[in-house]
Amino acid sequence: MTKPANRPSPGTAICALDDLDDPGARDFTFGSGTAAFNIFLVRTDDTVRAYVNRCPHAHQRLDARPGRFLTMNETRILCGGHAALFRIEDGLCTSGPCAGKHLESVPV
């Protein structure tokens, strides 16, 4: 599989753990324009996971409201466009139009 040009290499320092709320999520962009590679990090306790910021259903950004990735109770990832819900631990869609599909994970 070919790595997108602006995808960070595994082991790339993206931010300090303390830069993420617990629980919380934050987006990052590598590159710009049509070559931009958008990811978001999700922290729960001392565990951080990263996913490509793209809904597997409509291929749009998950954060319809910039920077908003989690449900109100901060237990699921929410697609702001379709209200699909994803498990934080593995990106599995548990409800919505992409049920059974996964967010694309990014090694961190």
Protein backbone atom coordinates (compact mmCIF):
# COMPACT_ATOMS: atom_id res chain seq x y z
CA MET A 1 0.00 0.00 0.00
CA THR A 2 1.38 3.42 -0.94
CA LYS A 3 1.52 6.03 1.79
CA PRO A 4 -0.20 9.34 0.86
CA ALA A 5 2.46 12.02 0.31
CA ASN A 6 1.60 14.05 3.42
CA ARG A 7 0.74 11.19 5.77
CA PRO A 8 3.06 11.36 8.80
CA SER A 9 5.43 8.43 9.21
CA PRO A 10 4.84 6.14 12.20
CA GLY A 11 6.67 7.58 15.19
CA THR A 12 6.25 11.20 14.11
CA ALA A 13 5.69 13.43 17.15
CA ILE A 14 2.35 15.18 16.62
CA CYS A 15 1.72 16.81 19.99
CA ALA A 16 2.33 16.30 23.69
CA LEU A 17 -0.09 14.08 25.60
CA ASP A 18 -0.99 17.06 27.81
CA ASP A 19 -2.13 18.96 24.69
CA LEU A 20 -5.13 16.62 24.49
CA ASP A 21 -8.07 16.77 26.90
CA ASP A 22 -8.89 13.53 28.72
CA PRO A 23 -11.15 12.43 27.20
CA GLY A 24 -10.82 14.59 24.15
CA ALA A 25 -9.99 14.84 20.47
CA ARG A 26 -8.07 17.25 18.27
CA ASP A 27 -7.52 17.52 14.53
CA PHE A 28 -4.25 17.95 12.64
CA THR A 29 -3.51 18.63 8.97
CA PHE A 30 -0.33 17.69 7.16
CA GLY A 31 0.25 19.45 3.84
CA SER A 32 -2.25 21.79 2.22
CA GLY A 33 -4.82 22.11 -0.55
CA THR A 34 -5.79 18.94 -2.40
CA ALA A 35 -2.70 17.19 -0.97
CA ALA A 36 -3.75 17.80 2.65
CA PHE A 37 -3.85 14.75 4.90
CA ASN A 38 -6.30 15.24 7.80
CA ILE A 39 -6.24 13.17 10.97
CA PHE A 40 -7.56 13.48 14.50
CA LEU A 41 -6.24 12.13 17.76
CA VAL A 42 -8.52 10.80 20.48
CA ARG A 43 -7.34 10.47 24.06
CA THR A 44 -8.90 8.36 26.78
CA ASP A 45 -6.80 8.07 29.95
CA ASP A 46 -3.20 7.69 28.74
CA THR A 47 -4.18 6.00 25.47
CA VAL A 48 -4.14 7.96 22.22
CA ARG A 49 -5.55 6.70 18.95
CA ALA A 50 -5.42 8.40 15.56
CA TYR A 51 -7.85 8.17 12.66
CA VAL A 52 -8.13 9.74 9.24
CA ASN A 53 -10.67 12.57 9.48
CA ARG A 54 -13.04 11.07 6.92
CA CYS A 55 -16.40 9.32 7.28
CA PRO A 56 -16.35 5.90 5.58
CA HIS A 57 -19.89 6.57 4.32
CA ALA A 58 -19.75 9.93 2.55
CA HIS A 59 -15.97 10.51 2.60
CA GLN A 60 -16.42 13.91 4.23
CA ARG A 61 -14.77 15.28 7.36
CA LEU A 62 -16.24 13.90 10.59
CA ASP A 63 -16.14 17.25 12.36
CA ALA A 64 -18.95 19.20 10.69
CA ARG A 65 -18.36 21.63 13.56
CA PRO A 66 -14.57 22.17 13.50
CA GLY A 67 -12.77 20.31 16.26
CA ARG A 68 -15.91 18.46 17.48
CA PHE A 69 -15.40 14.70 17.23
CA LEU A 70 -16.97 13.21 20.36
CA THR A 71 -20.52 12.74 21.56
CA MET A 72 -21.74 14.92 24.43
CA ASN A 73 -20.86 12.20 26.97
CA GLU A 74 -17.45 11.74 25.28
CA THR A 75 -17.82 7.97 24.91
CA ARG A 76 -18.10 7.72 21.09
CA ILE A 77 -16.78 9.43 17.97
CA LEU A 78 -19.58 11.22 16.11
CA CYS A 79 -19.86 11.99 12.40
CA GLY A 80 -21.29 15.51 12.36
CA GLY A 81 -22.76 15.01 8.88
CA HIS A 82 -24.73 11.77 9.42
CA ALA A 83 -24.72 11.24 13.21
CA ALA A 84 -22.97 7.90 12.75
CA LEU A 85 -21.33 6.67 15.96
CA PHE A 86 -17.92 5.00 16.16
CA ARG A 87 -16.17 3.23 19.01
CA ILE A 88 -13.12 5.14 20.20
CA GLU A 89 -11.04 2.00 20.79
CA ASP A 90 -11.16 0.63 17.22
CA GLY A 91 -13.14 3.06 15.01
CA LEU A 92 -15.97 0.57 14.36
CA CYS A 93 -19.22 2.25 13.31
CA THR A 94 -21.93 0.99 15.66
CA SER A 95 -24.86 2.99 14.26
CA GLY A 96 -25.66 5.09 11.22
CA PRO A 97 -25.35 4.66 7.46
CA CYS A 98 -21.87 3.08 7.69
CA ALA A 99 -22.64 0.53 10.45
CA GLY A 100 -20.06 -2.23 10.44
CA LYS A 101 -17.38 -0.17 8.68
CA HIS A 102 -14.29 1.24 10.37
CA LEU A 103 -12.55 4.58 10.45
CA GLU A 104 -9.09 4.37 8.90
CA SER A 105 -6.57 4.20 11.72
CA VAL A 106 -3.21 5.96 11.63
CA PRO A 107 -0.29 4.54 13.64
CA VAL A 108 0.93 6.92 16.35
